[in-house]
Amino acid sequence: MSLATEFERLSLPLEHAFTISRGTQTTAENVVVRIEDADGTVGVGGAAPSTHYGETADTVEAVLPDLLAVVEDVGDPHQLERIERRMRETVARNPAARCAVSIALHDLVAKRADLPLYRYWGLDPDETVETSFTIGIDDTDVMREKTEEAVAAGYSTLKVKVGTDRDEEIIGAVRDAAPDATVRVDANEAWSPREAVRKIDALEAYDVEFVEQPVPAENPDGMAFVRERAALPIAADESCVTLGDVAEVAGTADIANLKLMKCGGLREAMRMIHAARAEGLEVMLGCMIESNASMAAAGHLAPLLDYADLDGSLLLAEDPYDGVPMPDGDIDLAGLDRPGTGAER
C-alpha cells in the first residue's frame, strides 16, 4: 500500500498568557503530520512538544523524516503496533514527534473503516468524563476574573495552577468566584515535601478535589512523604512519563496523570491506562497546549478515564482544526459526526 507523508509547523497564539510555576507561555508551537493513502484518505496528527521533557518544535521537525520513513517502509497503516515499535527503535526519545505519527495513523485507519476512533476501539461514548478548564497563575484578581469567565462559559471543573507565595489566597479567590465548581490544584513541582503537606492541609478547607504534582519528580520519596501525610489525594504528572513509571507512581500517588505527548503514542497510552488500573491507581489524561490535530485523539480515550484535563485547544486564541465537541466541558463523543479522530481543518 502506498502512503504519502508530510508535516508543517504551526505557531498558535494563546487567548491569554499562560503561567505555571516554571514560567509563562504566550504561543504554542505545534507540528502537524498528514499521512495519505492511495485512495486519498488523509490521517492527521499533531505534536505539542514540551521543553520540560527535552523537546521543541525544532527537534520534532528534525526527527519526523526518519519516523515517517518508517511509515512509508511498512506501507500498511493498519500495522499500528509494528510501526510504533519501529518508531521507538528509530527515535528513542522525542515522544511528541512519535505521538503525532501515531495519531495520524489512527485517524487514517479509523477513517478507512468509516468509524470514529472510539468506535474503532470499541469504547462506550456514554462513559466519558468532563474535562477541567485550567486557570493559569496571574494576579489574584485576574485569576478571579478568569474563573468567573470560565464558569460563565459553562465549565464546572477547574484546574488551578499554584506554586506562589499566595497559593491559599488564590484558591480562596477561585472558590469565591466559583462556589459550586469542582476545583483541582496543580503545583507543577513547586513545593518542598513539608511545604506541600502544610499547604495541602490548608487547601482542604476550600473543598479541593485533589492536588497534582506537589513536589519535584526527582524526589519520589518526597512524593510518598506527601501522600502519606496530606489531607487530599495526590496526582502524579511529571513523575509519570512512560509505562515504566507507573509501578513507582503507585507507591507515591493516588492518580496517574498521563499525557500523549509524554508517552509517545495512542497504543502506549492504552498500555499505561491498563497498567495504572492494575496498580490500583485512578487515571487522568492531561495535555499540553495543543491544537485539535492532537487533542481530538485524546478525547477518544475519555471512556477509559476517571478524570480529564483536555482543554489544550480551548486555551488557544484560534485553533485551525475542529475536534471532538466539548459543550460546557462535556467530551461529547456521541456528537461527533465524522470518522477518525474528528480533527478537521
Protein backbone atom coordinates (compact mmCIF):
# COMPACT_ATOMS: atom_id res chain seq x y z
CA MET A 1 0.00 0.00 0.00
CA SER A 2 1.42 3.38 -0.99
CA LEU A 3 1.45 6.12 1.66
CA ALA A 4 2.41 9.77 1.23
CA THR A 5 3.53 11.80 4.25
CA GLU A 6 4.15 15.45 5.06
CA PHE A 7 4.30 17.81 8.02
CA GLU A 8 4.03 21.51 8.81
CA ARG A 9 4.77 23.73 11.77
CA LEU A 10 2.08 25.89 13.36
CA SER A 11 2.69 28.82 15.69
CA LEU A 12 -0.56 29.23 17.65
CA PRO A 13 -1.12 32.32 19.84
CA LEU A 14 -2.85 31.74 23.18
CA GLU A 15 -6.02 33.56 24.22
CA HIS A 16 -4.20 34.74 27.37
CA ALA A 17 -0.62 34.44 28.60
CA PHE A 18 -0.44 31.12 30.44
CA THR A 19 1.73 30.92 33.55
CA ILE A 20 2.65 27.95 35.73
CA SER A 21 5.29 27.72 38.44
CA ARG A 22 8.03 27.14 35.82
CA GLY A 23 7.30 30.07 33.52
CA THR A 24 4.96 31.84 31.09
CA GLN A 25 3.82 30.85 27.60
CA THR A 26 2.09 33.09 25.02
CA THR A 27 2.39 30.88 21.93
CA ALA A 28 2.15 27.13 21.35
CA GLU A 29 4.47 25.64 18.75
CA ASN A 30 2.83 22.56 17.23
CA VAL A 31 3.80 20.37 14.29
CA VAL A 32 1.04 18.70 12.26
CA VAL A 33 1.58 15.43 10.37
CA ARG A 34 -0.51 14.26 7.41
CA ILE A 35 -0.47 10.68 6.09
CA GLU A 36 -2.39 9.99 2.87
CA ASP A 37 -3.21 6.60 1.34
CA ALA A 38 -3.54 5.79 -2.36
CA ASP A 39 -7.31 6.42 -2.24
CA GLY A 40 -6.82 9.97 -0.98
CA THR A 41 -7.85 9.33 2.63
CA VAL A 42 -5.80 11.55 4.94
CA GLY A 43 -4.91 10.97 8.59
CA VAL A 44 -3.97 14.00 10.71
CA GLY A 45 -1.91 14.07 13.90
CA GLY A 46 -0.19 16.73 15.94
CA ALA A 47 2.89 17.13 18.11
CA ALA A 48 2.88 19.61 21.00
CA PRO A 49 6.46 19.34 22.31
CA SER A 50 7.48 20.44 25.80
CA THR A 51 10.94 21.75 26.62
CA HIS A 52 10.47 20.31 30.13
CA TYR A 53 10.78 16.87 28.53
CA GLY A 54 13.61 17.90 26.21
CA GLU A 55 11.58 18.52 23.05
CA THR A 56 11.00 21.55 20.85
CA ALA A 57 9.30 22.09 17.51
CA ASP A 58 12.79 22.07 16.02
CA THR A 59 13.61 18.61 17.39
CA VAL A 60 10.22 17.33 16.21
CA GLU A 61 10.89 18.58 12.69
CA ALA A 62 14.39 17.11 12.81
CA VAL A 63 13.24 13.54 13.58
CA LEU A 64 9.96 13.39 11.67
CA PRO A 65 11.61 12.46 8.34
CA ASP A 66 13.06 9.33 9.98
CA LEU A 67 9.76 8.47 11.65
CA LEU A 68 7.74 8.97 8.50
CA ALA A 69 10.26 6.87 6.59
CA VAL A 70 9.26 4.00 8.92
CA VAL A 71 5.61 4.53 7.98
CA GLU A 72 6.40 4.56 4.28
CA ASP A 73 8.63 1.49 4.60
CA VAL A 74 5.97 -0.56 6.43
CA GLY A 75 3.40 0.69 3.95
CA ASP A 76 0.30 -0.66 5.72
CA PRO A 77 -1.20 1.91 8.13
CA HIS A 78 -3.12 -0.86 9.91
CA GLN A 79 0.18 -2.25 11.23
CA LEU A 80 -0.04 0.14 14.16
CA GLU A 81 1.88 -1.98 16.66
CA ARG A 82 4.72 -2.70 14.24
CA ILE A 83 5.04 0.94 13.21
CA GLU A 84 5.05 2.25 16.78
CA ARG A 85 7.63 -0.36 17.80
CA ARG A 86 9.87 0.54 14.88
CA MET A 87 9.48 4.26 15.59
CA ARG A 88 10.69 3.68 19.18
CA GLU A 89 13.65 1.75 17.80
CA THR A 90 14.41 4.55 15.32
CA VAL A 91 13.94 7.52 17.69
CA ALA A 92 14.13 6.55 21.34
CA ARG A 93 13.18 9.97 22.64
CA ASN A 94 11.06 12.76 21.10
CA PRO A 95 7.74 11.24 22.25
CA ALA A 96 5.68 14.15 20.90
CA ALA A 97 7.07 13.55 17.41
CA ARG A 98 6.24 9.84 17.61
CA CYS A 99 2.82 10.69 19.01
CA ALA A 100 1.98 12.91 16.03
CA VAL A 101 2.61 9.99 13.68
CA SER A 102 0.67 7.58 15.92
CA ILE A 103 -2.35 9.90 15.96
CA ALA A 104 -2.25 10.43 12.20
CA LEU A 105 -2.16 6.67 11.62
CA HIS A 106 -5.07 6.02 13.97
CA ASP A 107 -7.04 8.79 12.30
CA LEU A 108 -6.32 7.25 8.90
CA VAL A 109 -7.26 3.66 9.75
CA ALA A 110 -10.46 4.72 11.53
CA LYS A 111 -11.41 6.81 8.51
CA ARG A 112 -10.71 3.84 6.24
CA ALA A 113 -13.16 1.85 8.39
CA ASP A 114 -15.60 4.80 8.27
CA LEU A 115 -15.78 4.85 12.08
CA PRO A 116 -14.98 7.45 14.72
CA LEU A 117 -11.92 6.32 16.62
CA TYR A 118 -13.77 5.45 19.85
CA ARG A 119 -15.96 3.01 17.88
CA TYR A 120 -12.93 1.58 16.10
CA TRP A 121 -11.61 0.83 19.60
CA GLY A 122 -15.00 -0.45 20.82
CA LEU A 123 -15.38 2.17 23.57
CA ASP A 124 -18.65 3.41 25.09
CA PRO A 125 -19.38 7.09 24.34
CA ASP A 126 -21.72 7.24 27.33
CA GLU A 127 -18.81 6.61 29.71
CA THR A 128 -16.91 9.84 29.04
CA VAL A 129 -15.89 12.31 31.72
CA GLU A 130 -15.90 16.10 31.84
CA THR A 131 -12.71 18.00 31.09
CA SER A 132 -11.38 20.55 33.51
CA PHE A 133 -10.57 24.10 32.38
CA THR A 134 -7.23 25.47 33.57
CA ILE A 135 -6.74 28.79 35.34
CA GLY A 136 -3.08 29.82 34.99
CA ILE A 137 -1.12 31.79 37.58
CA ASP A 138 -1.72 35.54 37.45
CA ASP A 139 -2.60 38.39 39.77
CA THR A 140 -5.21 37.11 42.20
CA ASP A 141 -7.89 39.48 40.88
CA VAL A 142 -7.17 38.39 37.31
CA MET A 143 -7.44 34.73 38.31
CA ARG A 144 -10.78 35.51 39.94
CA GLU A 145 -11.95 37.17 36.69
CA LYS A 146 -10.75 34.22 34.58
CA THR A 147 -12.61 31.88 36.92
CA GLU A 148 -15.81 33.89 36.53
CA GLU A 149 -15.38 33.79 32.74
CA ALA A 150 -14.84 30.01 32.77
CA VAL A 151 -17.93 29.42 34.90
CA ALA A 152 -20.00 31.73 32.68
CA ALA A 153 -18.81 29.72 29.67
CA GLY A 154 -20.23 26.58 31.27
CA TYR A 155 -17.13 24.92 32.76
CA SER A 156 -17.88 23.36 36.13
CA THR A 157 -14.50 21.67 36.74
CA LEU A 158 -11.47 23.92 37.15
CA LYS A 159 -7.77 23.15 37.48
CA VAL A 160 -5.94 25.96 39.21
CA LYS A 161 -2.20 26.45 38.85
CA VAL A 162 -0.33 27.33 42.04
CA GLY A 163 3.27 27.49 43.22
CA THR A 164 3.45 31.05 44.58
CA ASP A 165 3.71 32.73 47.97
CA ARG A 166 -0.08 33.37 47.85
CA ASP A 167 -1.45 29.95 46.98
CA GLU A 168 -4.14 29.91 49.65
CA GLU A 169 -5.22 33.41 48.66
CA ILE A 170 -5.52 32.24 45.03
CA ILE A 171 -7.64 29.22 45.88
CA GLY A 172 -9.80 31.31 48.17
CA ALA A 173 -10.46 33.77 45.34
CA VAL A 174 -11.24 30.97 42.90
CA ARG A 175 -13.61 29.33 45.36
CA ASP A 176 -15.38 32.67 45.98
CA ALA A 177 -15.83 33.12 42.22
CA ALA A 178 -16.93 29.51 41.66
CA PRO A 179 -18.61 28.24 44.85
CA ASP A 180 -20.18 25.24 43.13
CA ALA A 181 -17.31 24.20 40.85
CA THR A 182 -15.09 21.17 41.26
CA VAL A 183 -11.62 22.57 41.93
CA ARG A 184 -8.34 20.77 41.39
CA VAL A 185 -4.90 22.22 42.17
CA ASP A 186 -1.65 21.77 40.23
CA ALA A 187 1.64 22.87 41.78
CA ASN A 188 3.87 21.68 38.90
CA GLU A 189 6.65 20.50 41.29
CA ALA A 190 6.85 23.87 43.07
CA TRP A 191 6.78 22.80 46.72
CA SER A 192 9.08 21.01 49.12
CA PRO A 193 7.54 17.94 50.79
CA ARG A 194 6.90 19.62 54.15
CA GLU A 195 5.63 22.78 52.47
CA ALA A 196 3.30 20.63 50.37
CA VAL A 197 1.78 18.93 53.40
CA ARG A 198 1.26 22.28 55.10
CA LYS A 199 -0.29 23.91 52.04
CA ILE A 200 -2.49 20.95 51.17
CA ASP A 201 -3.83 20.81 54.71
CA ALA A 202 -4.79 24.49 54.35
CA LEU A 203 -6.38 23.92 50.94
CA GLU A 204 -8.64 21.18 52.27
CA ALA A 205 -10.90 23.90 53.71
CA TYR A 206 -11.66 25.10 50.16
CA ASP A 207 -13.13 21.78 49.05
CA VAL A 208 -10.29 20.93 46.65
CA GLU A 209 -10.70 17.55 44.90
CA PHE A 210 -7.00 16.63 44.60
CA VAL A 211 -3.53 18.12 44.24
CA GLU A 212 -1.32 17.42 41.25
CA GLN A 213 2.47 17.02 41.40
CA PRO A 214 3.18 18.88 44.64
CA VAL A 215 6.95 18.15 44.67
CA PRO A 216 9.62 17.56 42.00
CA ALA A 217 9.51 14.31 40.08
CA GLU A 218 13.15 13.73 41.01
CA ASN A 219 12.04 13.27 44.62
CA PRO A 220 9.82 10.14 44.75
CA ASP A 221 10.47 9.81 48.48
CA GLY A 222 9.12 13.34 48.85
CA MET A 223 6.01 12.41 46.86
CA ALA A 224 5.49 9.40 49.14
CA PHE A 225 6.01 11.61 52.20
CA VAL A 226 3.28 13.98 50.99
CA ARG A 227 0.87 11.22 50.05
CA GLU A 228 1.18 9.60 53.48
CA ARG A 229 0.55 12.84 55.37
CA ALA A 230 -1.52 15.22 53.23
CA ALA A 231 -5.24 15.65 53.65
CA LEU A 232 -6.07 15.38 49.92
CA PRO A 233 -5.43 12.78 47.18
CA ILE A 234 -2.26 13.23 45.14
CA ALA A 235 -1.91 13.02 41.35
CA ALA A 236 1.41 12.36 39.62
CA ASP A 237 2.11 14.14 36.34
CA GLU A 238 5.79 14.94 35.88
CA SER A 239 6.51 11.76 37.87
CA CYS A 240 4.53 9.63 35.39
CA VAL A 241 6.04 9.93 31.92
CA THR A 242 6.31 6.41 30.47
CA LEU A 243 4.95 2.94 31.10
CA GLY A 244 7.96 2.13 33.27
CA ASP A 245 6.99 4.89 35.72
CA VAL A 246 3.54 3.53 36.57
CA ALA A 247 4.61 0.96 39.17
CA GLU A 248 6.68 3.53 41.10
CA VAL A 249 3.88 6.10 40.93
CA ALA A 250 1.55 3.55 42.55
CA GLY A 251 3.62 3.88 45.71
CA THR A 252 3.70 7.68 45.72
CA ALA A 253 0.33 8.90 44.40
CA ASP A 254 -3.36 8.07 44.09
CA ILE A 255 -3.86 9.21 40.50
CA ALA A 256 -1.68 8.77 37.40
CA ASN A 257 -1.87 11.75 35.03
CA LEU A 258 -0.91 10.52 31.57
CA LYS A 259 -0.25 12.65 28.50
CA LEU A 260 0.02 11.53 24.90
CA MET A 261 2.93 13.91 24.37
CA LYS A 262 4.85 12.30 27.23
CA CYS A 263 4.29 8.66 26.38
CA GLY A 264 4.73 8.78 22.60
CA GLY A 265 1.54 7.36 21.11
CA LEU A 266 -2.02 6.15 21.47
CA ARG A 267 -1.14 2.49 21.86
CA GLU A 268 1.36 3.29 24.60
CA ALA A 269 -1.26 5.45 26.32
CA MET A 270 -3.64 2.49 26.31
CA ARG A 271 -0.96 0.30 27.88
CA MET A 272 -0.33 2.91 30.58
CA ILE A 273 -4.04 3.19 31.38
CA HIS A 274 -4.36 -0.56 31.86
CA ALA A 275 -1.11 -0.72 33.85
CA ALA A 276 -2.32 2.07 36.15
CA ARG A 277 -5.59 0.24 36.71
CA ALA A 278 -3.69 -2.94 37.54
CA GLU A 279 -1.69 -0.97 40.15
CA GLY A 280 -4.86 0.36 41.78
CA LEU A 281 -4.40 3.91 40.51
CA GLU A 282 -7.11 6.19 39.23
CA VAL A 283 -6.38 7.56 35.76
CA MET A 284 -6.34 11.08 34.42
CA LEU A 285 -5.43 12.16 30.89
CA GLY A 286 -3.89 15.60 30.54
CA CYS A 287 -2.42 17.57 27.68
CA MET A 288 -0.06 20.31 26.64
CA ILE A 289 -1.37 23.45 24.94
CA GLU A 290 -2.16 21.96 21.58
CA SER A 291 -4.34 22.04 18.52
CA ASN A 292 -7.18 19.63 17.88
CA ALA A 293 -4.84 17.96 15.40
CA SER A 294 -3.78 16.04 18.52
CA MET A 295 -6.39 16.99 21.16
CA ALA A 296 -9.17 15.32 19.18
CA ALA A 297 -7.48 11.92 19.53
CA ALA A 298 -7.10 12.34 23.30
CA GLY A 299 -10.84 12.85 23.63
CA HIS A 300 -11.49 9.34 22.29
CA LEU A 301 -9.75 7.87 25.35
CA ALA A 302 -12.26 9.58 27.69
CA PRO A 303 -14.36 6.43 28.32
CA LEU A 304 -11.30 4.84 29.96
CA LEU A 305 -10.64 7.72 32.39
CA ASP A 306 -11.57 8.85 35.86
CA TYR A 307 -10.53 12.44 35.17
CA ALA A 308 -9.75 14.51 32.09
CA ASP A 309 -7.76 17.70 31.63
CA LEU A 310 -8.17 18.08 27.87
CA ASP A 311 -8.51 21.82 27.48
CA GLY A 312 -5.34 22.35 25.41
CA SER A 313 -7.13 23.68 22.35
CA LEU A 314 -9.53 25.74 24.47
CA LEU A 315 -6.63 27.92 25.64
CA LEU A 316 -5.73 28.95 22.06
CA ALA A 317 -6.86 32.25 20.57
CA GLU A 318 -7.88 30.27 17.49
CA ASP A 319 -7.46 26.63 16.50
CA PRO A 320 -7.18 25.86 12.77
CA TYR A 321 -8.62 22.38 13.48
CA ASP A 322 -12.01 21.30 14.77
CA GLY A 323 -12.16 18.27 17.04
CA VAL A 324 -14.44 16.35 19.39
CA PRO A 325 -17.34 18.55 20.58
CA MET A 326 -16.91 19.69 24.21
CA PRO A 327 -20.01 21.69 25.12
CA ASP A 328 -19.60 23.04 28.67
CA GLY A 329 -16.59 20.76 29.07
CA ASP A 330 -18.51 17.54 28.31
CA ILE A 331 -16.49 15.32 25.96
CA ASP A 332 -19.30 14.51 23.53
CA LEU A 333 -18.05 11.55 21.51
CA ALA A 334 -21.60 10.59 20.53
CA GLY A 335 -21.98 14.04 18.99
CA LEU A 336 -19.03 13.54 16.63
CA ASP A 337 -20.45 13.29 13.12
CA ARG A 338 -17.36 12.22 11.17
CA PRO A 339 -14.95 9.28 11.20
CA GLY A 340 -11.43 9.18 12.59
CA THR A 341 -10.37 11.40 15.47
CA GLY A 342 -12.58 14.26 14.30
CA ALA A 343 -9.65 16.57 13.56
CA GLU A 344 -10.66 18.61 10.54
CA ARG A 345 -9.29 21.84 9.13
